[in-house]
Amino acid sequence: QGKPFRVAASRGNAQDIHMRGAFAKQGIDINKDVQFINIPNP
């Protein structure tokens, strides 16, 4: 539909790498399939 599927985390925190790793294991490319939004303060 040409819409971004926006996913967020606080870049640099453990939750960011947990999400990226889980996505990669499921075959989701965080750089191509979704739009990452950085929200620094949880």
All heavy atoms as atom14 arrays in JSON, in Angstrom:
{
  "sequence": "QGKPFRVAASRGNAQDIHMRGAFAKQGIDINKDVQFINIPNP",
  "atom14_mask": [
    [1, 1, 1, 1, 1, 1, 1, 1, 1, 0, 0, 0, 0, 0],
    [1, 1, 1, 1, 0, 0, 0, 0, 0, 0, 0, 0, 0, 0],
    [1, 1, 1, 1, 1, 1, 1, 1, 1, 0, 0, 0, 0, 0],
    [1, 1, 1, 1, 1, 1, 1, 0, 0, 0, 0, 0, 0, 0],
    [1, 1, 1, 1, 1, 1, 1, 1, 1, 1, 1, 0, 0, 0],
    [1, 1, 1, 1, 1, 1, 1, 1, 1, 1, 1, 0, 0, 0],
    [1, 1, 1, 1, 1, 1, 1, 0, 0, 0, 0, 0, 0, 0],
    [1, 1, 1, 1, 1, 0, 0, 0, 0, 0, 0, 0, 0, 0],
    [1, 1, 1, 1, 1, 0, 0, 0, 0, 0, 0, 0, 0, 0],
    [1, 1, 1, 1, 1, 1, 0, 0, 0, 0, 0, 0, 0, 0],
    [1, 1, 1, 1, 1, 1, 1, 1, 1, 1, 1, 0, 0, 0],
    [1, 1, 1, 1, 0, 0, 0, 0, 0, 0, 0, 0, 0, 0],
    [1, 1, 1, 1, 1, 1, 1, 1, 0, 0, 0, 0, 0, 0],
    [1, 1, 1, 1, 1, 0, 0, 0, 0, 0, 0, 0, 0, 0],
    [1, 1, 1, 1, 1, 1, 1, 1, 1, 0, 0, 0, 0, 0],
    [1, 1, 1, 1, 1, 1, 1, 1, 0, 0, 0, 0, 0, 0],
    [1, 1, 1, 1, 1, 1, 1, 1, 0, 0, 0, 0, 0, 0],
    [1, 1, 1, 1, 1, 1, 1, 1, 1, 1, 0, 0, 0, 0],
    [1, 1, 1, 1, 1, 1, 1, 1, 0, 0, 0, 0, 0, 0],
    [1, 1, 1, 1, 1, 1, 1, 1, 1, 1, 1, 0, 0, 0],
    [1, 1, 1, 1, 0, 0, 0, 0, 0, 0, 0, 0, 0, 0],
    [1, 1, 1, 1, 1, 0, 0, 0, 0, 0, 0, 0, 0, 0],
    [1, 1, 1, 1, 1, 1, 1, 1, 1, 1, 1, 0, 0, 0],
    [1, 1, 1, 1, 1, 0, 0, 0, 0, 0, 0, 0, 0, 0],
    [1, 1, 1, 1, 1, 1, 1, 1, 1, 0, 0, 0, 0, 0],
    [1, 1, 1, 1, 1, 1, 1, 1, 1, 0, 0, 0, 0, 0],
    [1, 1, 1, 1, 0, 0, 0, 0, 0, 0, 0, 0, 0, 0],
    [1, 1, 1, 1, 1, 1, 1, 1, 0, 0, 0, 0, 0, 0],
    [1, 1, 1, 1, 1, 1, 1, 1, 0, 0, 0, 0, 0, 0],
    [1, 1, 1, 1, 1, 1, 1, 1, 0, 0, 0, 0, 0, 0],
    [1, 1, 1, 1, 1, 1, 1, 1, 0, 0, 0, 0, 0, 0],
    [1, 1, 1, 1, 1, 1, 1, 1, 1, 0, 0, 0, 0, 0],
    [1, 1, 1, 1, 1, 1, 1, 1, 0, 0, 0, 0, 0, 0],
    [1, 1, 1, 1, 1, 1, 1, 0, 0, 0, 0, 0, 0, 0],
    [1, 1, 1, 1, 1, 1, 1, 1, 1, 0, 0, 0, 0, 0],
    [1, 1, 1, 1, 1, 1, 1, 1, 1, 1, 1, 0, 0, 0],
    [1, 1, 1, 1, 1, 1, 1, 1, 0, 0, 0, 0, 0, 0],
    [1, 1, 1, 1, 1, 1, 1, 1, 0, 0, 0, 0, 0, 0],
    [1, 1, 1, 1, 1, 1, 1, 1, 0, 0, 0, 0, 0, 0],
    [1, 1, 1, 1, 1, 1, 1, 0, 0, 0, 0, 0, 0, 0],
    [1, 1, 1, 1, 1, 1, 1, 1, 0, 0, 0, 0, 0, 0],
    [1, 1, 1, 1, 1, 1, 1, 0, 0, 0, 0, 0, 0, 0]
  ],
  "atom14_positions": [
    [[0.81, -1.21, 0.0], [0.0, 0.0, 0.0], [0.85, 1.27, 0.0], [0.32, 2.38, 0.0], [-0.93, 0.01, 1.22], [-1.96, -1.11, 1.23], [-2.67, -1.22, 2.57], [-2.72, -0.27, 3.34], [-3.22, -2.4, 2.84], [0.0, 0.0, 0.0], [0.0, 0.0, 0.0], [0.0, 0.0, 0.0], [0.0, 0.0, 0.0], [0.0, 0.0, 0.0]],
    [[2.18, 1.08, 0.01], [3.07, 2.23, 0.02], [3.12, 2.96, 1.34], [3.53, 4.13, 1.42], [0.0, 0.0, 0.0], [0.0, 0.0, 0.0], [0.0, 0.0, 0.0], [0.0, 0.0, 0.0], [0.0, 0.0, 0.0], [0.0, 0.0, 0.0], [0.0, 0.0, 0.0], [0.0, 0.0, 0.0], [0.0, 0.0, 0.0], [0.0, 0.0, 0.0]],
    [[2.75, 2.26, 2.42], [2.77, 2.87, 3.75], [3.94, 2.3, 4.55], [4.21, 1.1, 4.47], [1.46, 2.56, 4.5], [0.22, 3.14, 3.88], [-0.97, 3.03, 4.85], [-1.24, 1.6, 5.28], [-2.41, 1.49, 6.18], [0.0, 0.0, 0.0], [0.0, 0.0, 0.0], [0.0, 0.0, 0.0], [0.0, 0.0, 0.0], [0.0, 0.0, 0.0]],
    [[4.6, 3.12, 5.33], [5.68, 2.6, 6.17], [5.12, 1.89, 7.4], [4.18, 2.37, 8.02], [6.45, 3.86, 6.58], [5.41, 4.94, 6.58], [4.46, 4.59, 5.46], [0.0, 0.0, 0.0], [0.0, 0.0, 0.0], [0.0, 0.0, 0.0], [0.0, 0.0, 0.0], [0.0, 0.0, 0.0], [0.0, 0.0, 0.0], [0.0, 0.0, 0.0]],
    [[5.67, 0.73, 7.71], [5.35, 0.06, 8.97], [6.41, 0.51, 9.96], [7.57, 0.12, 9.86], [5.36, -1.47, 8.8], [4.79, -2.21, 9.99], [3.45, -2.55, 10.03], [5.6, -2.54, 11.07], [2.92, -3.23, 11.12], [5.08, -3.21, 12.17], [3.74, -3.55, 12.2], [0.0, 0.0, 0.0], [0.0, 0.0, 0.0], [0.0, 0.0, 0.0]],
    [[6.01, 1.35, 10.89], [6.96, 2.03, 11.77], [7.2, 1.25, 13.05], [6.26, 0.92, 13.77], [6.44, 3.43, 12.09], [6.23, 4.3, 10.84], [5.29, 5.45, 11.11], [3.95, 4.99, 11.5], [2.94, 5.78, 11.84], [3.11, 7.1, 11.82], [1.78, 5.28, 12.2], [0.0, 0.0, 0.0], [0.0, 0.0, 0.0], [0.0, 0.0, 0.0]],
    [[8.47, 0.95, 13.32], [8.86, 0.25, 14.55], [9.8, 1.15, 15.32], [10.62, 1.86, 14.74], [9.51, -1.12, 14.25], [8.59, -1.96, 13.39], [10.87, -0.96, 13.59], [0.0, 0.0, 0.0], [0.0, 0.0, 0.0], [0.0, 0.0, 0.0], [0.0, 0.0, 0.0], [0.0, 0.0, 0.0], [0.0, 0.0, 0.0], [0.0, 0.0, 0.0]],
    [[9.7, 1.11, 16.64], [10.49, 2.04, 17.45], [11.19, 1.34, 18.6], [10.8, 0.26, 19.04], [9.58, 3.15, 18.0], [0.0, 0.0, 0.0], [0.0, 0.0, 0.0], [0.0, 0.0, 0.0], [0.0, 0.0, 0.0], [0.0, 0.0, 0.0], [0.0, 0.0, 0.0], [0.0, 0.0, 0.0], [0.0, 0.0, 0.0], [0.0, 0.0, 0.0]],
    [[12.23, 1.97, 19.06], [12.97, 1.58, 20.25], [13.85, 2.77, 20.62], [13.88, 3.77, 19.9], [13.82, 0.33, 20.01], [0.0, 0.0, 0.0], [0.0, 0.0, 0.0], [0.0, 0.0, 0.0], [0.0, 0.0, 0.0], [0.0, 0.0, 0.0], [0.0, 0.0, 0.0], [0.0, 0.0, 0.0], [0.0, 0.0, 0.0], [0.0, 0.0, 0.0]],
    [[14.54, 2.66, 21.74], [15.52, 3.67, 22.11], [16.87, 3.2, 21.59], [17.46, 2.26, 22.16], [15.56, 3.87, 23.62], [14.32, 4.34, 24.1], [0.0, 0.0, 0.0], [0.0, 0.0, 0.0], [0.0, 0.0, 0.0], [0.0, 0.0, 0.0], [0.0, 0.0, 0.0], [0.0, 0.0, 0.0], [0.0, 0.0, 0.0], [0.0, 0.0, 0.0]],
    [[17.35, 3.8, 20.51], [18.58, 3.33, 19.89], [19.73, 3.37, 20.89], [19.95, 4.36, 21.58], [18.93, 4.18, 18.66], [20.15, 3.65, 17.92], [20.32, 4.3, 16.56], [21.53, 3.82, 15.92], [21.63, 2.7, 15.22], [20.56, 1.95, 15.06], [22.77, 2.33, 14.67], [0.0, 0.0, 0.0], [0.0, 0.0, 0.0], [0.0, 0.0, 0.0]],
    [[20.48, 2.26, 20.96], [21.59, 2.16, 21.89], [21.25, 1.38, 23.13], [22.13, 1.03, 23.92], [0.0, 0.0, 0.0], [0.0, 0.0, 0.0], [0.0, 0.0, 0.0], [0.0, 0.0, 0.0], [0.0, 0.0, 0.0], [0.0, 0.0, 0.0], [0.0, 0.0, 0.0], [0.0, 0.0, 0.0], [0.0, 0.0, 0.0], [0.0, 0.0, 0.0]],
    [[19.96, 1.08, 23.32], [19.55, 0.28, 24.48], [19.45, -1.2, 24.1], [19.37, -1.55, 22.92], [18.21, 0.78, 25.04], [18.36, 2.08, 25.8], [19.46, 2.57, 25.99], [17.25, 2.63, 26.24], [0.0, 0.0, 0.0], [0.0, 0.0, 0.0], [0.0, 0.0, 0.0], [0.0, 0.0, 0.0], [0.0, 0.0, 0.0], [0.0, 0.0, 0.0]],
    [[19.42, -2.05, 25.11], [19.35, -3.49, 24.87], [18.1, -3.86, 24.09], [18.11, -4.77, 23.26], [19.38, -4.25, 26.19], [0.0, 0.0, 0.0], [0.0, 0.0, 0.0], [0.0, 0.0, 0.0], [0.0, 0.0, 0.0], [0.0, 0.0, 0.0], [0.0, 0.0, 0.0], [0.0, 0.0, 0.0], [0.0, 0.0, 0.0], [0.0, 0.0, 0.0]],
    [[17.01, -3.13, 24.33], [15.75, -3.46, 23.66], [15.86, -3.28, 22.15], [15.21, -4.0, 21.39], [14.62, -2.58, 24.22], [14.24, -2.91, 25.65], [15.34, -2.62, 26.64], [15.98, -1.58, 26.59], [15.6, -3.56, 27.54], [0.0, 0.0, 0.0], [0.0, 0.0, 0.0], [0.0, 0.0, 0.0], [0.0, 0.0, 0.0], [0.0, 0.0, 0.0]],
    [[16.66, -2.35, 21.74], [16.88, -2.13, 20.3], [17.54, -3.36, 19.67], [17.06, -3.88, 18.65], [17.75, -0.89, 20.12], [17.9, -0.46, 18.66], [17.14, -0.98, 17.81], [18.76, 0.38, 18.37], [0.0, 0.0, 0.0], [0.0, 0.0, 0.0], [0.0, 0.0, 0.0], [0.0, 0.0, 0.0], [0.0, 0.0, 0.0], [0.0, 0.0, 0.0]],
    [[18.6, -3.85, 20.28], [19.29, -5.02, 19.7], [18.44, -6.27, 19.86], [18.46, -7.16, 18.99], [20.69, -5.2, 20.31], [21.56, -6.1, 19.42], [20.65, -5.73, 21.71], [21.94, -5.49, 18.1], [0.0, 0.0, 0.0], [0.0, 0.0, 0.0], [0.0, 0.0, 0.0], [0.0, 0.0, 0.0], [0.0, 0.0, 0.0], [0.0, 0.0, 0.0]],
    [[17.69, -6.39, 20.97], [16.79, -7.53, 21.13], [15.79, -7.56, 19.98], [15.54, -8.62, 19.39], [16.04, -7.45, 22.46], [16.89, -7.77, 23.65], [16.44, -7.6, 24.94], [18.14, -8.28, 23.76], [17.39, -7.96, 25.79], [18.43, -8.37, 25.09], [0.0, 0.0, 0.0], [0.0, 0.0, 0.0], [0.0, 0.0, 0.0], [0.0, 0.0, 0.0]],
    [[15.2, -6.41, 19.67], [14.21, -6.34, 18.59], [14.86, -6.64, 17.24], [14.32, -7.43, 16.45], [13.58, -4.95, 18.55], [12.54, -4.78, 17.44], [11.79, -3.12, 17.4], [13.16, -2.12, 16.82], [0.0, 0.0, 0.0], [0.0, 0.0, 0.0], [0.0, 0.0, 0.0], [0.0, 0.0, 0.0], [0.0, 0.0, 0.0], [0.0, 0.0, 0.0]],
    [[16.0, -6.04, 16.96], [16.66, -6.25, 15.68], [17.05, -7.72, 15.49], [16.9, -8.27, 14.4], [17.9, -5.35, 15.58], [17.56, -3.88, 15.45], [18.8, -2.99, 15.57], [18.43, -1.59, 15.57], [18.44, -0.8, 14.49], [18.79, -1.3, 13.31], [18.09, 0.46, 14.57], [0.0, 0.0, 0.0], [0.0, 0.0, 0.0], [0.0, 0.0, 0.0]],
    [[17.56, -8.32, 16.56], [17.94, -9.73, 16.48], [16.75, -10.63, 16.26], [16.8, -11.58, 15.46], [0.0, 0.0, 0.0], [0.0, 0.0, 0.0], [0.0, 0.0, 0.0], [0.0, 0.0, 0.0], [0.0, 0.0, 0.0], [0.0, 0.0, 0.0], [0.0, 0.0, 0.0], [0.0, 0.0, 0.0], [0.0, 0.0, 0.0], [0.0, 0.0, 0.0]],
    [[15.65, -10.34, 16.98], [14.44, -11.15, 16.83], [13.86, -10.99, 15.43], [13.41, -11.97, 14.81], [13.41, -10.74, 17.89], [0.0, 0.0, 0.0], [0.0, 0.0, 0.0], [0.0, 0.0, 0.0], [0.0, 0.0, 0.0], [0.0, 0.0, 0.0], [0.0, 0.0, 0.0], [0.0, 0.0, 0.0], [0.0, 0.0, 0.0], [0.0, 0.0, 0.0]],
    [[13.86, -9.77, 14.91], [13.38, -9.53, 13.55], [14.22, -10.3, 12.54], [13.69, -10.95, 11.62], [13.44, -8.04, 13.23], [12.24, -7.25, 13.67], [11.36, -7.74, 14.63], [11.97, -6.0, 13.14], [10.26, -7.03, 15.03], [10.87, -5.27, 13.54], [10.01, -5.78, 14.48], [0.0, 0.0, 0.0], [0.0, 0.0, 0.0], [0.0, 0.0, 0.0]],
    [[15.54, -10.21, 12.68], [16.44, -10.88, 11.73], [16.21, -12.38, 11.73], [16.2, -13.02, 10.67], [17.89, -10.57, 12.07], [0.0, 0.0, 0.0], [0.0, 0.0, 0.0], [0.0, 0.0, 0.0], [0.0, 0.0, 0.0], [0.0, 0.0, 0.0], [0.0, 0.0, 0.0], [0.0, 0.0, 0.0], [0.0, 0.0, 0.0], [0.0, 0.0, 0.0]],
    [[15.99, -12.95, 12.92], [15.75, -14.38, 13.01], [14.46, -14.78, 12.31], [14.33, -15.9, 11.79], [15.74, -14.84, 14.46], [15.69, -16.35, 14.62], [16.18, -16.81, 15.97], [16.26, -18.32, 16.03], [16.76, -18.8, 17.32], [0.0, 0.0, 0.0], [0.0, 0.0, 0.0], [0.0, 0.0, 0.0], [0.0, 0.0, 0.0], [0.0, 0.0, 0.0]],
    [[13.5, -13.88, 12.27], [12.21, -14.15, 11.63], [12.2, -13.74, 10.15], [11.18, -13.84, 9.49], [11.09, -13.41, 12.37], [10.87, -13.89, 13.8], [10.35, -15.31, 13.87], [9.65, -15.77, 12.97], [10.66, -16.01, 14.95], [0.0, 0.0, 0.0], [0.0, 0.0, 0.0], [0.0, 0.0, 0.0], [0.0, 0.0, 0.0], [0.0, 0.0, 0.0]],
    [[13.35, -13.26, 9.65], [13.43, -12.89, 8.25], [12.88, -11.51, 7.93], [12.55, -11.21, 6.78], [0.0, 0.0, 0.0], [0.0, 0.0, 0.0], [0.0, 0.0, 0.0], [0.0, 0.0, 0.0], [0.0, 0.0, 0.0], [0.0, 0.0, 0.0], [0.0, 0.0, 0.0], [0.0, 0.0, 0.0], [0.0, 0.0, 0.0], [0.0, 0.0, 0.0]],
    [[12.8, -10.65, 8.94], [12.35, -9.28, 8.74], [13.57, -8.38, 8.7], [14.36, -8.34, 9.64], [11.4, -8.83, 9.87], [10.15, -9.72, 9.91], [11.0, -7.37, 9.7], [9.27, -9.49, 11.13], [0.0, 0.0, 0.0], [0.0, 0.0, 0.0], [0.0, 0.0, 0.0], [0.0, 0.0, 0.0], [0.0, 0.0, 0.0], [0.0, 0.0, 0.0]],
    [[13.75, -7.66, 7.58], [14.89, -6.75, 7.41], [14.5, -5.38, 7.93], [13.66, -4.69, 7.34], [15.28, -6.67, 5.93], [16.58, -5.91, 5.71], [16.86, -4.97, 6.48], [17.32, -6.27, 4.77], [0.0, 0.0, 0.0], [0.0, 0.0, 0.0], [0.0, 0.0, 0.0], [0.0, 0.0, 0.0], [0.0, 0.0, 0.0], [0.0, 0.0, 0.0]],
    [[15.12, -4.98, 9.05], [14.72, -3.72, 9.68], [15.09, -2.52, 8.83], [14.54, -1.42, 9.0], [15.32, -3.61, 11.1], [14.53, -2.61, 11.95], [16.8, -3.24, 11.04], [14.77, -2.68, 13.41], [0.0, 0.0, 0.0], [0.0, 0.0, 0.0], [0.0, 0.0, 0.0], [0.0, 0.0, 0.0], [0.0, 0.0, 0.0], [0.0, 0.0, 0.0]],
    [[16.02, -2.69, 7.88], [16.42, -1.58, 7.02], [15.57, -1.47, 5.76], [15.52, -0.4, 5.15], [17.89, -1.73, 6.63], [18.82, -1.67, 7.83], [18.73, -0.75, 8.63], [19.69, -2.65, 7.96], [0.0, 0.0, 0.0], [0.0, 0.0, 0.0], [0.0, 0.0, 0.0], [0.0, 0.0, 0.0], [0.0, 0.0, 0.0], [0.0, 0.0, 0.0]],
    [[14.92, -2.55, 5.36], [14.15, -2.54, 4.12], [12.65, -2.77, 4.31], [11.83, -2.22, 3.57], [14.7, -3.62, 3.17], [16.14, -3.39, 2.74], [16.63, -4.52, 1.84], [18.07, -4.32, 1.4], [18.56, -5.43, 0.55], [0.0, 0.0, 0.0], [0.0, 0.0, 0.0], [0.0, 0.0, 0.0], [0.0, 0.0, 0.0], [0.0, 0.0, 0.0]],
    [[12.29, -3.59, 5.28], [10.88, -3.98, 5.43], [10.09, -3.02, 6.3], [8.86, -2.95, 6.18], [10.79, -5.39, 6.01], [11.39, -6.44, 5.09], [11.38, -6.21, 3.87], [11.88, -7.47, 5.6], [0.0, 0.0, 0.0], [0.0, 0.0, 0.0], [0.0, 0.0, 0.0], [0.0, 0.0, 0.0], [0.0, 0.0, 0.0], [0.0, 0.0, 0.0]],
    [[10.78, -2.33, 7.21], [10.09, -1.45, 8.15], [10.83, -0.12, 8.23], [11.94, 0.02, 7.74], [10.02, -2.09, 9.56], [9.22, -3.38, 9.53], [11.42, -2.34, 10.13], [0.0, 0.0, 0.0], [0.0, 0.0, 0.0], [0.0, 0.0, 0.0], [0.0, 0.0, 0.0], [0.0, 0.0, 0.0], [0.0, 0.0, 0.0], [0.0, 0.0, 0.0]],
    [[10.19, 0.84, 8.87], [10.82, 2.15, 9.1], [11.14, 2.28, 10.58], [10.24, 2.26, 11.42], [9.9, 3.28, 8.67], [10.48, 4.68, 8.89], [9.51, 5.79, 8.5], [8.73, 5.64, 7.57], [9.55, 6.9, 9.21], [0.0, 0.0, 0.0], [0.0, 0.0, 0.0], [0.0, 0.0, 0.0], [0.0, 0.0, 0.0], [0.0, 0.0, 0.0]],
    [[12.42, 2.41, 10.9], [12.82, 2.51, 12.31], [12.69, 3.94, 12.8], [13.12, 4.89, 12.16], [14.27, 2.04, 12.5], [14.75, 2.17, 13.93], [14.33, 1.26, 14.88], [15.59, 3.21, 14.3], [14.75, 1.37, 16.2], [16.02, 3.33, 15.62], [15.6, 2.41, 16.57], [0.0, 0.0, 0.0], [0.0, 0.0, 0.0], [0.0, 0.0, 0.0]],
    [[12.08, 4.09, 13.98], [11.92, 5.39, 14.64], [12.68, 5.33, 15.96], [12.44, 4.46, 16.79], [10.43, 5.7, 14.94], [9.58, 5.57, 13.67], [10.3, 7.07, 15.58], [9.85, 6.62, 12.63], [0.0, 0.0, 0.0], [0.0, 0.0, 0.0], [0.0, 0.0, 0.0], [0.0, 0.0, 0.0], [0.0, 0.0, 0.0], [0.0, 0.0, 0.0]],
    [[13.6, 6.26, 16.16], [14.34, 6.32, 17.42], [13.63, 7.24, 18.4], [13.39, 8.41, 18.11], [15.77, 6.84, 17.16], [16.58, 6.94, 18.45], [16.39, 6.14, 19.36], [17.47, 7.92, 18.52], [0.0, 0.0, 0.0], [0.0, 0.0, 0.0], [0.0, 0.0, 0.0], [0.0, 0.0, 0.0], [0.0, 0.0, 0.0], [0.0, 0.0, 0.0]],
    [[13.27, 6.69, 19.56], [12.66, 7.49, 20.63], [13.6, 7.36, 21.83], [13.54, 6.39, 22.58], [11.25, 7.0, 20.98], [10.37, 6.99, 19.72], [10.62, 7.88, 22.06], [8.98, 6.43, 19.94], [0.0, 0.0, 0.0], [0.0, 0.0, 0.0], [0.0, 0.0, 0.0], [0.0, 0.0, 0.0], [0.0, 0.0, 0.0], [0.0, 0.0, 0.0]],
    [[14.53, 8.31, 22.0], [15.62, 8.16, 22.96], [15.2, 7.86, 24.4], [15.78, 7.01, 25.05], [16.36, 9.5, 22.86], [16.07, 9.99, 21.48], [14.66, 9.56, 21.21], [0.0, 0.0, 0.0], [0.0, 0.0, 0.0], [0.0, 0.0, 0.0], [0.0, 0.0, 0.0], [0.0, 0.0, 0.0], [0.0, 0.0, 0.0], [0.0, 0.0, 0.0]],
    [[14.19, 8.56, 24.89], [13.78, 8.38, 26.28], [12.62, 7.38, 26.36], [11.54, 7.64, 25.83], [13.36, 9.72, 26.89], [13.23, 9.65, 28.4], [12.97, 8.6, 28.98], [13.44, 10.78, 29.06], [0.0, 0.0, 0.0], [0.0, 0.0, 0.0], [0.0, 0.0, 0.0], [0.0, 0.0, 0.0], [0.0, 0.0, 0.0], [0.0, 0.0, 0.0]],
    [[12.82, 6.24, 27.02], [11.76, 5.22, 27.1], [10.46, 5.73, 27.71], [9.39, 5.2, 27.41], [12.38, 4.12, 27.97], [13.85, 4.3, 27.82], [14.06, 5.78, 27.69], [0.0, 0.0, 0.0], [0.0, 0.0, 0.0], [0.0, 0.0, 0.0], [0.0, 0.0, 0.0], [0.0, 0.0, 0.0], [0.0, 0.0, 0.0], [0.0, 0.0, 0.0]]
  ]
}
